[in-house]
Amino acid sequence: MGVSKPYIVIDDFNYRFCVHALSLGDDLLTKVSTAEGHVLSVDEPRAVGWLGRAPNPIEMFLTALASCFIITLKLHAKRLGLIIDHVEVFSEGSFDIRGFIMPEKFTSGFKSLSLKASISTGVNCEKLRKLLNKVFNGWIVGSTVSRAVPISIDIRARCLDVDGSPKELIISEVISKSY
């Protein structure tokens, strides 16, 4: 196979990540190891007849989308000297299970994805809007996924108007990128 362990390689501006996944026997439980030494478990849910000992791959995918949004938002905010007090995200995806069961007859993969976020900050709303544009153009997971499936974004943010009074900023858009 050529790879003996998980790794992170940083070569100028090119980052490469590798994780290791292992499942033994007929058990679906899969252990995933990262370069930082984290071990994650992945399984299938009881609702579809398995043991449900860990999140399933779909939940892990949606977790990656939601957490990438939050981390990208907070990293860019920190770089700009902005404080985000609270971020809460729900990510959701839907797919036709027949694409998994009978891929020769049905298309596999997500048909729709959405991300709903609630943000609280003492930042001016216009600065927050610019920050969110930076996030939408830079988040690695969301940018990658939106090349295949558009992501419906709904954000409700409590921020400050130009006069310093509290204001609600609402952003609803669909992000779809091409190569």
Foldseek 3Di string as FASTA:
>chain_A
DPDDAWDWDDDPPDIDTGKDWDDDDPAQWIWIAGRVGDIAIAHDCVVVPHDHPHHHPVVVLQVLVQVLLVVLLVVLCVVVVFDWDDKDKDKDWDFDCVCVVPVVVDPDDTAAMEMEMETEGAAEPVVSVVSSVCSCVDRPSNVVCLQPHKYWYWYWYWYAYPVSHTDIDIDTDIDHDHD
